[in-house]
Amino acid sequence: MPKKYLVVLIGPTGVGKTTTSISVSKFFNAPIVSADSRQFFKEMQIGTAAPTPKQLSLTPHYLVGHKSITERYSCGMFELEALELLNKIFINQDVAMLVGGSMLYIDAVCNGIDNFPTPDPELRQSLENQLATEGIDNLRAQLRLLDPEFYNQVDLKNPKRILKAIEICLQTGKPYSSFLTNPQRSRPFNVIKIGLTYPREMLYERINARVDQMINQGLVNEAKSLYPYRDHNALKTVGYREIFDYLDGNISLEKSIELIKRNSRHYAKRQLTWWAKDNEITWFHPNEIDLVLYHIEEQLKAK
């Protein structure tokens, strides 16, 4: 039976994963499965820098714009859907790709979701009440004490992630981050991990330029159309929450653009910090496509 290979292409926001992934996909005849947790939603195209219709036509893509913002979708649901899809792809293909920057979603496919304890509704309600009465700063301080490792990785503007981490810490007496290191589950394919990155200053320049491009493409109008759904978790993300603040009259448009750039840079830094612990990733400059292709070819021979 031929071996099956999943080429995982990761990298921080703004690095150029879409362009490189299409080149790799065409070279190896490897369909692309998206692991970008915001590009799943068809209404969020501009703010997520989703592949354009032209890019999607160049090679098979899956799980891009296949959900509506009105639908509930979780990392666990993604893991099951992606694995089922890969099983179908591997019937006729020996190589497939998983492309994105959503760390937990990529880990879910490669390693499996960690076995968290059953939620405690009473504790969760208590923490939600605390958030409502005391604000997020108090919860951030708690998380910093309970689990400094996860505190340095998490999006500190995302109350849902902070609440979940504190809940697990208090419920188990163990750091939330300790549940993110369970042994890897067996998968019916070999994994080849490729990372793309630029020198920090160049990456930040690209991020700033991409935000300007999103604004020119109509990000404000896209956010306006999504405003009724602003409480959905998918929209509590960089690029939308800052525009929502502008639409609420809390800040100017210029300030919201400045914050999108800053928060995108911070997110890129968190992504790179997360992946720095993964020794299976081989890193390349995005312009080194020939080296990327050669490395993958060598890995296919070796595994």
C-alpha atoms as a PDB file:
ATOM      1  CA  MET A   1       0.000   0.000   0.000  1.00  0.00           C
ATOM      2  CA  PRO A   2       1.531   3.383  -1.005  1.00  0.00           C
ATOM      3  CA  LYS A   3       2.489   5.721   1.798  1.00  0.00           C
ATOM      4  CA  LYS A   4       0.445   8.872   2.250  1.00  0.00           C
ATOM      5  CA  TYR A   5       1.934  12.258   3.082  1.00  0.00           C
ATOM      6  CA  LEU A   6       0.458  15.424   4.523  1.00  0.00           C
ATOM      7  CA  VAL A   7       2.554  18.509   3.789  1.00  0.00           C
ATOM      8  CA  VAL A   8       1.739  21.052   6.498  1.00  0.00           C
ATOM      9  CA  LEU A   9       2.558  24.604   5.400  1.00  0.00           C
ATOM     10  CA  ILE A  10       2.469  27.091   8.264  1.00  0.00           C
ATOM     11  CA  GLY A  11       3.642  30.630   8.888  1.00  0.00           C
ATOM     12  CA  PRO A  12       2.645  33.869  10.576  1.00  0.00           C
ATOM     13  CA  THR A  13      -0.091  36.111   9.253  1.00  0.00           C
ATOM     14  CA  GLY A  14       0.937  38.095   6.197  1.00  0.00           C
ATOM     15  CA  VAL A  15       3.873  35.876   5.238  1.00  0.00           C
ATOM     16  CA  GLY A  16       2.434  34.699   1.906  1.00  0.00           C
ATOM     17  CA  LYS A  17       1.252  31.138   2.591  1.00  0.00           C
ATOM     18  CA  THR A  18      -1.413  31.185  -0.131  1.00  0.00           C
ATOM     19  CA  THR A  19       0.993  31.895  -2.996  1.00  0.00           C
ATOM     20  CA  THR A  20       3.559  29.327  -1.858  1.00  0.00           C
ATOM     21  CA  SER A  21       0.945  26.685  -1.132  1.00  0.00           C
ATOM     22  CA  ILE A  22      -0.461  26.920  -4.663  1.00  0.00           C
ATOM     23  CA  SER A  23       3.026  26.417  -6.139  1.00  0.00           C
ATOM     24  CA  VAL A  24       3.646  23.385  -3.918  1.00  0.00           C
ATOM     25  CA  SER A  25       0.165  21.994  -4.573  1.00  0.00           C
ATOM     26  CA  LYS A  26       0.554  22.187  -8.354  1.00  0.00           C
ATOM     27  CA  PHE A  27       4.056  20.667  -8.281  1.00  0.00           C
ATOM     28  CA  PHE A  28       3.028  17.629  -6.217  1.00  0.00           C
ATOM     29  CA  ASN A  29      -0.584  17.420  -7.429  1.00  0.00           C
ATOM     30  CA  ALA A  30      -1.582  17.810  -3.787  1.00  0.00           C
ATOM     31  CA  PRO A  31      -5.038  19.232  -2.914  1.00  0.00           C
ATOM     32  CA  ILE A  32      -5.064  21.979  -0.263  1.00  0.00           C
ATOM     33  CA  VAL A  33      -7.077  21.718   2.948  1.00  0.00           C
ATOM     34  CA  SER A  34      -7.361  25.046   4.753  1.00  0.00           C
ATOM     35  CA  ALA A  35      -6.480  25.268   8.441  1.00  0.00           C
ATOM     36  CA  ASP A  36      -7.303  28.960   8.785  1.00  0.00           C
ATOM     37  CA  SER A  37     -10.046  29.129  11.392  1.00  0.00           C
ATOM     38  CA  ARG A  38     -11.454  32.398   9.972  1.00  0.00           C
ATOM     39  CA  GLN A  39     -11.321  31.545   6.271  1.00  0.00           C
ATOM     40  CA  PHE A  40     -13.887  28.804   6.926  1.00  0.00           C
ATOM     41  CA  PHE A  41     -16.611  31.476   6.931  1.00  0.00           C
ATOM     42  CA  LYS A  42     -17.783  32.666   3.530  1.00  0.00           C
ATOM     43  CA  GLU A  43     -18.805  36.122   4.781  1.00  0.00           C
ATOM     44  CA  MET A  44     -15.276  36.918   6.051  1.00  0.00           C
ATOM     45  CA  GLN A  45     -13.226  37.240   2.877  1.00  0.00           C
ATOM     46  CA  ILE A  46     -11.447  40.573   3.029  1.00  0.00           C
ATOM     47  CA  GLY A  47     -10.505  40.597   6.696  1.00  0.00           C
ATOM     48  CA  THR A  48      -9.089  37.070   6.532  1.00  0.00           C
ATOM     49  CA  ALA A  49      -7.191  37.558   3.244  1.00  0.00           C
ATOM     50  CA  ALA A  50      -8.997  34.499   1.888  1.00  0.00           C
ATOM     51  CA  PRO A  51      -7.766  33.094  -1.423  1.00  0.00           C
ATOM     52  CA  THR A  52      -9.333  34.864  -4.397  1.00  0.00           C
ATOM     53  CA  PRO A  53     -11.602  33.000  -6.846  1.00  0.00           C
ATOM     54  CA  LYS A  54      -8.711  33.003  -9.319  1.00  0.00           C
ATOM     55  CA  GLN A  55      -6.344  31.471  -6.751  1.00  0.00           C
ATOM     56  CA  LEU A  56      -8.947  28.873  -5.796  1.00  0.00           C
ATOM     57  CA  SER A  57      -9.267  27.882  -9.455  1.00  0.00           C
ATOM     58  CA  LEU A  58      -5.546  27.128  -9.817  1.00  0.00           C
ATOM     59  CA  THR A  59      -5.580  23.988  -7.669  1.00  0.00           C
ATOM     60  CA  PRO A  60      -8.162  22.083  -5.573  1.00  0.00           C
ATOM     61  CA  HIS A  61      -8.982  23.826  -2.278  1.00  0.00           C
ATOM     62  CA  TYR A  62     -11.150  22.530   0.567  1.00  0.00           C
ATOM     63  CA  LEU A  63     -12.681  24.060   3.701  1.00  0.00           C
ATOM     64  CA  VAL A  64     -12.461  27.641   2.411  1.00  0.00           C
ATOM     65  CA  GLY A  65     -15.710  29.575   2.759  1.00  0.00           C
ATOM     66  CA  HIS A  66     -17.667  26.376   3.392  1.00  0.00           C
ATOM     67  CA  LYS A  67     -19.460  27.659   6.496  1.00  0.00           C
ATOM     68  CA  SER A  68     -21.676  30.613   7.297  1.00  0.00           C
ATOM     69  CA  ILE A  69     -20.963  32.905  10.219  1.00  0.00           C
ATOM     70  CA  THR A  70     -24.410  31.884  11.519  1.00  0.00           C
ATOM     71  CA  GLU A  71     -23.249  28.268  11.951  1.00  0.00           C
ATOM     72  CA  ARG A  72     -21.445  26.922  15.010  1.00  0.00           C
ATOM     73  CA  TYR A  73     -18.034  25.487  14.215  1.00  0.00           C
ATOM     74  CA  SER A  74     -15.330  24.320  16.606  1.00  0.00           C
ATOM     75  CA  CYS A  75     -11.811  22.959  16.533  1.00  0.00           C
ATOM     76  CA  GLY A  76     -13.151  19.499  17.360  1.00  0.00           C
ATOM     77  CA  MET A  77     -15.621  19.628  14.479  1.00  0.00           C
ATOM     78  CA  PHE A  78     -12.811  20.759  12.188  1.00  0.00           C
ATOM     79  CA  GLU A  79     -10.577  17.865  13.254  1.00  0.00           C
ATOM     80  CA  LEU A  80     -13.235  15.310  12.343  1.00  0.00           C
ATOM     81  CA  GLU A  81     -14.144  17.027   9.071  1.00  0.00           C
ATOM     82  CA  ALA A  82     -10.526  17.490   7.974  1.00  0.00           C
ATOM     83  CA  LEU A  83      -9.554  13.881   8.754  1.00  0.00           C
ATOM     84  CA  GLU A  84     -12.582  12.544   6.886  1.00  0.00           C
ATOM     85  CA  LEU A  85     -11.712  14.763   3.926  1.00  0.00           C
ATOM     86  CA  LEU A  86      -8.065  13.648   3.939  1.00  0.00           C
ATOM     87  CA  ASN A  87      -9.126  10.001   3.964  1.00  0.00           C
ATOM     88  CA  LYS A  88     -11.117  10.658   0.778  1.00  0.00           C
ATOM     89  CA  ILE A  89      -8.263  12.595  -0.844  1.00  0.00           C
ATOM     90  CA  PHE A  90      -5.777   9.828  -0.064  1.00  0.00           C
ATOM     91  CA  ILE A  91      -7.868   7.289  -1.960  1.00  0.00           C
ATOM     92  CA  ASN A  92      -6.546   8.754  -5.215  1.00  0.00           C
ATOM     93  CA  GLN A  93      -3.647  10.981  -4.094  1.00  0.00           C
ATOM     94  CA  ASP A  94      -0.459  10.181  -2.217  1.00  0.00           C
ATOM     95  CA  VAL A  95       0.201  13.784  -1.125  1.00  0.00           C
ATOM     96  CA  ALA A  96      -2.152  16.394   0.350  1.00  0.00           C
ATOM     97  CA  MET A  97      -1.554  19.768   1.972  1.00  0.00           C
ATOM     98  CA  LEU A  98      -2.759  21.413   5.164  1.00  0.00           C
ATOM     99  CA  VAL A  99      -2.249  25.179   4.994  1.00  0.00           C
ATOM    100  CA  GLY A 100      -2.899  27.896   7.551  1.00  0.00           C
ATOM    101  CA  GLY A 101      -1.822  29.798  10.607  1.00  0.00           C
ATOM    102  CA  SER A 102      -4.344  28.647  13.223  1.00  0.00           C
ATOM    103  CA  MET A 103      -2.099  26.803  15.631  1.00  0.00           C
ATOM    104  CA  LEU A 104      -4.692  24.737  17.509  1.00  0.00           C
ATOM    105  CA  TYR A 105      -6.444  23.658  14.322  1.00  0.00           C
ATOM    106  CA  ILE A 106      -3.207  22.456  12.742  1.00  0.00           C
ATOM    107  CA  ASP A 107      -2.269  20.589  15.915  1.00  0.00           C
ATOM    108  CA  ALA A 108      -5.725  18.987  15.973  1.00  0.00           C
ATOM    109  CA  VAL A 109      -5.151  17.372  12.575  1.00  0.00           C
ATOM    110  CA  CYS A 110      -1.518  16.392  13.188  1.00  0.00           C
ATOM    111  CA  ASN A 111      -1.733  15.313  16.817  1.00  0.00           C
ATOM    112  CA  GLY A 112      -5.368  15.181  17.884  1.00  0.00           C
ATOM    113  CA  ILE A 113      -7.229  17.438  20.278  1.00  0.00           C
ATOM    114  CA  ASP A 114      -6.143  17.168  23.874  1.00  0.00           C
ATOM    115  CA  ASN A 115      -8.400  15.412  26.352  1.00  0.00           C
ATOM    116  CA  PHE A 116      -9.762  18.233  28.462  1.00  0.00           C
ATOM    117  CA  PRO A 117     -11.941  17.484  31.489  1.00  0.00           C
ATOM    118  CA  THR A 118     -15.716  17.774  31.254  1.00  0.00           C
ATOM    119  CA  PRO A 119     -16.772  21.448  31.549  1.00  0.00           C
ATOM    120  CA  ASP A 120     -18.074  22.674  34.901  1.00  0.00           C
ATOM    121  CA  PRO A 121     -21.137  24.866  34.111  1.00  0.00           C
ATOM    122  CA  GLU A 122     -21.203  26.407  37.589  1.00  0.00           C
ATOM    123  CA  LEU A 123     -17.533  27.420  37.473  1.00  0.00           C
ATOM    124  CA  ARG A 124     -17.903  28.763  33.928  1.00  0.00           C
ATOM    125  CA  GLN A 125     -20.905  30.879  34.969  1.00  0.00           C
ATOM    126  CA  SER A 126     -18.963  32.232  37.934  1.00  0.00           C
ATOM    127  CA  LEU A 127     -16.084  33.270  35.673  1.00  0.00           C
ATOM    128  CA  GLU A 128     -18.456  34.846  33.156  1.00  0.00           C
ATOM    129  CA  ASN A 129     -20.060  36.836  35.974  1.00  0.00           C
ATOM    130  CA  GLN A 130     -16.604  37.920  37.066  1.00  0.00           C
ATOM    131  CA  LEU A 131     -15.826  39.069  33.526  1.00  0.00           C
ATOM    132  CA  ALA A 132     -19.052  41.071  33.400  1.00  0.00           C
ATOM    133  CA  THR A 133     -18.537  42.778  36.762  1.00  0.00           C
ATOM    134  CA  GLU A 134     -14.751  43.169  37.012  1.00  0.00           C
ATOM    135  CA  GLY A 135     -13.633  43.227  33.384  1.00  0.00           C
ATOM    136  CA  ILE A 136     -11.056  41.261  31.451  1.00  0.00           C
ATOM    137  CA  ASP A 137      -7.992  42.751  33.169  1.00  0.00           C
ATOM    138  CA  ASN A 138      -8.747  40.833  36.353  1.00  0.00           C
ATOM    139  CA  LEU A 139      -9.014  37.570  34.438  1.00  0.00           C
ATOM    140  CA  ARG A 140      -5.755  38.272  32.629  1.00  0.00           C
ATOM    141  CA  ALA A 141      -4.033  38.723  35.970  1.00  0.00           C
ATOM    142  CA  GLN A 142      -5.462  35.408  37.209  1.00  0.00           C
ATOM    143  CA  LEU A 143      -4.281  33.584  34.109  1.00  0.00           C
ATOM    144  CA  ARG A 144      -0.826  35.061  34.447  1.00  0.00           C
ATOM    145  CA  LEU A 145      -0.560  33.573  37.932  1.00  0.00           C
ATOM    146  CA  LEU A 146      -2.175  30.224  37.106  1.00  0.00           C
ATOM    147  CA  ASP A 147      -0.440  29.537  33.792  1.00  0.00           C
ATOM    148  CA  PRO A 148       2.266  32.023  32.736  1.00  0.00           C
ATOM    149  CA  GLU A 149       3.233  29.825  29.765  1.00  0.00           C
ATOM    150  CA  PHE A 150      -0.215  29.992  28.182  1.00  0.00           C
ATOM    151  CA  TYR A 151      -0.551  33.659  29.182  1.00  0.00           C
ATOM    152  CA  ASN A 152       2.402  34.438  26.897  1.00  0.00           C
ATOM    153  CA  GLN A 153       0.749  32.646  23.953  1.00  0.00           C
ATOM    154  CA  VAL A 154      -2.935  33.476  24.162  1.00  0.00           C
ATOM    155  CA  ASP A 155      -4.687  36.416  22.508  1.00  0.00           C
ATOM    156  CA  LEU A 156      -5.217  38.573  25.600  1.00  0.00           C
ATOM    157  CA  LYS A 157      -8.108  40.346  23.904  1.00  0.00           C
ATOM    158  CA  ASN A 158     -10.057  37.094  23.502  1.00  0.00           C
ATOM    159  CA  PRO A 159     -12.103  36.586  26.702  1.00  0.00           C
ATOM    160  CA  LYS A 160     -13.385  33.184  25.585  1.00  0.00           C
ATOM    161  CA  ARG A 161      -9.874  31.715  25.392  1.00  0.00           C
ATOM    162  CA  ILE A 162      -8.902  33.283  28.729  1.00  0.00           C
ATOM    163  CA  LEU A 163     -12.061  32.010  30.431  1.00  0.00           C
ATOM    164  CA  LYS A 164     -11.520  28.480  29.162  1.00  0.00           C
ATOM    165  CA  ALA A 165      -7.906  28.408  30.314  1.00  0.00           C
ATOM    166  CA  ILE A 166      -8.727  29.674  33.812  1.00  0.00           C
ATOM    167  CA  GLU A 167     -11.628  27.245  34.065  1.00  0.00           C
ATOM    168  CA  ILE A 168      -9.349  24.269  33.298  1.00  0.00           C
ATOM    169  CA  CYS A 169      -6.680  25.534  35.717  1.00  0.00           C
ATOM    170  CA  LEU A 170      -9.140  25.924  38.602  1.00  0.00           C
ATOM    171  CA  GLN A 171     -11.002  22.712  37.811  1.00  0.00           C
ATOM    172  CA  THR A 172      -7.922  20.461  37.639  1.00  0.00           C
ATOM    173  CA  GLY A 173      -5.301  22.275  39.661  1.00  0.00           C
ATOM    174  CA  LYS A 174      -2.981  21.981  36.656  1.00  0.00           C
ATOM    175  CA  PRO A 175      -1.855  24.617  34.135  1.00  0.00           C
ATOM    176  CA  TYR A 176      -4.015  24.749  31.013  1.00  0.00           C
ATOM    177  CA  SER A 177      -0.832  24.520  28.921  1.00  0.00           C
ATOM    178  CA  SER A 178      -0.114  21.073  30.398  1.00  0.00           C
ATOM    179  CA  PHE A 179      -3.142  19.744  28.498  1.00  0.00           C
ATOM    180  CA  LEU A 180      -1.650  20.957  25.221  1.00  0.00           C
ATOM    181  CA  THR A 181       1.226  18.483  25.330  1.00  0.00           C
ATOM    182  CA  ASN A 182      -0.525  15.120  25.226  1.00  0.00           C
ATOM    183  CA  PRO A 183       1.260  12.362  23.251  1.00  0.00           C
ATOM    184  CA  GLN A 184       0.666  12.491  19.512  1.00  0.00           C
ATOM    185  CA  ARG A 185      -2.126  10.252  18.264  1.00  0.00           C
ATOM    186  CA  SER A 186      -1.494   7.858  15.436  1.00  0.00           C
ATOM    187  CA  ARG A 187      -2.448   9.127  11.988  1.00  0.00           C
ATOM    188  CA  PRO A 188      -2.650   7.083   8.756  1.00  0.00           C
ATOM    189  CA  PHE A 189      -0.277   9.474   7.000  1.00  0.00           C
ATOM    190  CA  ASN A 190       3.213  10.909   7.386  1.00  0.00           C
ATOM    191  CA  VAL A 191       3.521  14.602   8.229  1.00  0.00           C
ATOM    192  CA  ILE A 192       6.055  16.959   6.611  1.00  0.00           C
ATOM    193  CA  LYS A 193       6.063  20.393   8.238  1.00  0.00           C
ATOM    194  CA  ILE A 194       7.216  23.461   6.311  1.00  0.00           C
ATOM    195  CA  GLY A 195       7.378  26.926   7.868  1.00  0.00           C
ATOM    196  CA  LEU A 196       7.588  30.275   6.078  1.00  0.00           C
ATOM    197  CA  THR A 197       8.886  33.444   7.679  1.00  0.00           C
ATOM    198  CA  TYR A 198      10.634  36.728   6.978  1.00  0.00           C
ATOM    199  CA  PRO A 199      13.041  38.691   9.162  1.00  0.00           C
ATOM    200  CA  ARG A 200      10.897  40.421  11.794  1.00  0.00           C
ATOM    201  CA  GLU A 201      11.103  43.942  10.349  1.00  0.00           C
ATOM    202  CA  MET A 202      10.236  42.772   6.835  1.00  0.00           C
ATOM    203  CA  LEU A 203       7.330  40.680   8.133  1.00  0.00           C
ATOM    204  CA  TYR A 204       5.925  43.668   9.996  1.00  0.00           C
ATOM    205  CA  GLU A 205       6.187  45.829   6.872  1.00  0.00           C
ATOM    206  CA  ARG A 206       4.231  43.198   4.931  1.00  0.00           C
ATOM    207  CA  ILE A 207       1.579  43.043   7.633  1.00  0.00           C
ATOM    208  CA  ASN A 208       1.148  46.827   7.612  1.00  0.00           C
ATOM    209  CA  ALA A 209       0.883  46.869   3.819  1.00  0.00           C
ATOM    210  CA  ARG A 210      -1.672  44.069   3.829  1.00  0.00           C
ATOM    211  CA  VAL A 211      -3.875  45.923   6.303  1.00  0.00           C
ATOM    212  CA  ASP A 212      -3.822  48.975   4.031  1.00  0.00           C
ATOM    213  CA  GLN A 213      -4.795  46.718   1.143  1.00  0.00           C
ATOM    214  CA  MET A 214      -7.717  45.264   3.132  1.00  0.00           C
ATOM    215  CA  ILE A 215      -9.003  48.754   3.880  1.00  0.00           C
ATOM    216  CA  ASN A 216      -8.784  49.656   0.179  1.00  0.00           C
ATOM    217  CA  GLN A 217     -10.617  46.455  -0.731  1.00  0.00           C
ATOM    218  CA  GLY A 218     -13.554  47.356   1.508  1.00  0.00           C
ATOM    219  CA  LEU A 219     -12.914  45.899   4.962  1.00  0.00           C
ATOM    220  CA  VAL A 220     -15.048  48.574   6.628  1.00  0.00           C
ATOM    221  CA  ASN A 221     -18.095  47.691   4.519  1.00  0.00           C
ATOM    222  CA  GLU A 222     -17.505  43.977   5.098  1.00  0.00           C
ATOM    223  CA  ALA A 223     -17.417  44.606   8.860  1.00  0.00           C
ATOM    224  CA  LYS A 224     -20.617  46.672   8.606  1.00  0.00           C
ATOM    225  CA  SER A 225     -22.377  43.732   6.956  1.00  0.00           C
ATOM    226  CA  LEU A 226     -21.221  41.469   9.792  1.00  0.00           C
ATOM    227  CA  TYR A 227     -21.991  43.894  12.616  1.00  0.00           C
ATOM    228  CA  PRO A 228     -25.201  42.052  13.669  1.00  0.00           C
ATOM    229  CA  TYR A 229     -23.077  38.961  14.310  1.00  0.00           C
ATOM    230  CA  ARG A 230     -20.270  40.694  16.162  1.00  0.00           C
ATOM    231  CA  ASP A 231     -20.747  38.537  19.277  1.00  0.00           C
ATOM    232  CA  HIS A 232     -19.894  35.365  17.345  1.00  0.00           C
ATOM    233  CA  ASN A 233     -16.504  34.020  18.369  1.00  0.00           C
ATOM    234  CA  ALA A 234     -15.225  34.013  14.780  1.00  0.00           C
ATOM    235  CA  LEU A 235     -15.598  37.800  14.647  1.00  0.00           C
ATOM    236  CA  LYS A 236     -13.787  38.458  17.917  1.00  0.00           C
ATOM    237  CA  THR A 237     -10.583  38.587  15.962  1.00  0.00           C
ATOM    238  CA  VAL A 238      -8.043  41.054  14.646  1.00  0.00           C
ATOM    239  CA  GLY A 239      -9.367  43.158  11.788  1.00  0.00           C
ATOM    240  CA  TYR A 240     -13.008  43.008  12.788  1.00  0.00           C
ATOM    241  CA  ARG A 241     -13.121  43.943  16.452  1.00  0.00           C
ATOM    242  CA  GLU A 242     -11.126  47.138  15.763  1.00  0.00           C
ATOM    243  CA  ILE A 243     -13.523  48.150  12.969  1.00  0.00           C
ATOM    244  CA  PHE A 244     -16.472  47.367  15.250  1.00  0.00           C
ATOM    245  CA  ASP A 245     -14.985  49.788  17.801  1.00  0.00           C
ATOM    246  CA  TYR A 246     -14.846  52.404  15.046  1.00  0.00           C
ATOM    247  CA  LEU A 247     -18.460  51.696  14.049  1.00  0.00           C
ATOM    248  CA  ASP A 248     -19.462  52.058  17.711  1.00  0.00           C
ATOM    249  CA  GLY A 249     -17.909  55.536  17.691  1.00  0.00           C
ATOM    250  CA  ASN A 250     -15.282  54.625  20.289  1.00  0.00           C
ATOM    251  CA  ILE A 251     -12.272  55.345  18.064  1.00  0.00           C
ATOM    252  CA  SER A 252     -11.520  56.991  14.725  1.00  0.00           C
ATOM    253  CA  LEU A 253     -11.043  54.991  11.533  1.00  0.00           C
ATOM    254  CA  GLU A 254      -7.377  55.989  11.516  1.00  0.00           C
ATOM    255  CA  LYS A 255      -6.972  54.650  15.062  1.00  0.00           C
ATOM    256  CA  SER A 256      -8.735  51.401  14.189  1.00  0.00           C
ATOM    257  CA  ILE A 257      -6.367  50.859  11.240  1.00  0.00           C
ATOM    258  CA  GLU A 258      -3.391  51.559  13.488  1.00  0.00           C
ATOM    259  CA  LEU A 259      -4.689  49.013  16.011  1.00  0.00           C
ATOM    260  CA  ILE A 260      -5.293  46.359  13.335  1.00  0.00           C
ATOM    261  CA  LYS A 261      -1.673  46.700  12.249  1.00  0.00           C
ATOM    262  CA  ARG A 262      -0.363  46.565  15.813  1.00  0.00           C
ATOM    263  CA  ASN A 263      -2.570  43.628  16.847  1.00  0.00           C
ATOM    264  CA  SER A 264      -1.714  41.725  13.646  1.00  0.00           C
ATOM    265  CA  ARG A 265       1.973  42.137  14.437  1.00  0.00           C
ATOM    266  CA  HIS A 266       1.370  40.900  17.972  1.00  0.00           C
ATOM    267  CA  TYR A 267      -0.526  37.891  16.623  1.00  0.00           C
ATOM    268  CA  ALA A 268       2.339  37.058  14.260  1.00  0.00           C
ATOM    269  CA  LYS A 269       4.721  37.146  17.201  1.00  0.00           C
ATOM    270  CA  ARG A 270       2.495  34.737  19.166  1.00  0.00           C
ATOM    271  CA  GLN A 271       2.332  32.376  16.202  1.00  0.00           C
ATOM    272  CA  LEU A 272       6.108  32.263  15.886  1.00  0.00           C
ATOM    273  CA  THR A 273       6.489  31.746  19.643  1.00  0.00           C
ATOM    274  CA  TRP A 274       4.094  28.803  19.484  1.00  0.00           C
ATOM    275  CA  TRP A 275       5.893  27.126  16.580  1.00  0.00           C
ATOM    276  CA  ALA A 276       9.359  27.744  18.010  1.00  0.00           C
ATOM    277  CA  LYS A 277       8.772  24.703  20.233  1.00  0.00           C
ATOM    278  CA  ASP A 278       8.102  22.399  17.273  1.00  0.00           C
ATOM    279  CA  ASN A 279      11.376  20.857  16.088  1.00  0.00           C
ATOM    280  CA  GLU A 280       9.621  19.088  13.208  1.00  0.00           C
ATOM    281  CA  ILE A 281       9.210  22.345  11.268  1.00  0.00           C
ATOM    282  CA  THR A 282      11.811  23.237   8.624  1.00  0.00           C
ATOM    283  CA  TRP A 283      11.799  26.985   7.999  1.00  0.00           C
ATOM    284  CA  PHE A 284      12.245  28.804   4.697  1.00  0.00           C
ATOM    285  CA  HIS A 285      12.120  32.312   3.295  1.00  0.00           C
ATOM    286  CA  PRO A 286       8.929  32.559   1.181  1.00  0.00           C
ATOM    287  CA  ASN A 287      11.009  33.340  -1.916  1.00  0.00           C
ATOM    288  CA  GLU A 288      12.906  30.048  -1.591  1.00  0.00           C
ATOM    289  CA  ILE A 289      10.270  28.019  -3.424  1.00  0.00           C
ATOM    290  CA  ASP A 290      12.863  25.822  -5.197  1.00  0.00           C
ATOM    291  CA  LEU A 291      14.393  24.908  -1.847  1.00  0.00           C
ATOM    292  CA  VAL A 292      10.945  24.179  -0.420  1.00  0.00           C
ATOM    293  CA  LEU A 293      10.117  21.844  -3.314  1.00  0.00           C
ATOM    294  CA  TYR A 294      13.509  20.115  -3.079  1.00  0.00           C
ATOM    295  CA  HIS A 295      13.140  19.626   0.688  1.00  0.00           C
ATOM    296  CA  ILE A 296       9.688  18.096   0.305  1.00  0.00           C
ATOM    297  CA  GLU A 297      10.938  15.767  -2.443  1.00  0.00           C
ATOM    298  CA  GLU A 298      13.767  14.579  -0.194  1.00  0.00           C
ATOM    299  CA  GLN A 299      11.343  14.023   2.686  1.00  0.00           C
ATOM    300  CA  LEU A 300       9.017  12.023   0.473  1.00  0.00           C
ATOM    301  CA  LYS A 301      11.932   9.748  -0.429  1.00  0.00           C
ATOM    302  CA  ALA A 302      13.122   9.388   3.165  1.00  0.00           C
ATOM    303  CA  LYS A 303       9.869   8.689   4.994  1.00  0.00           C
END
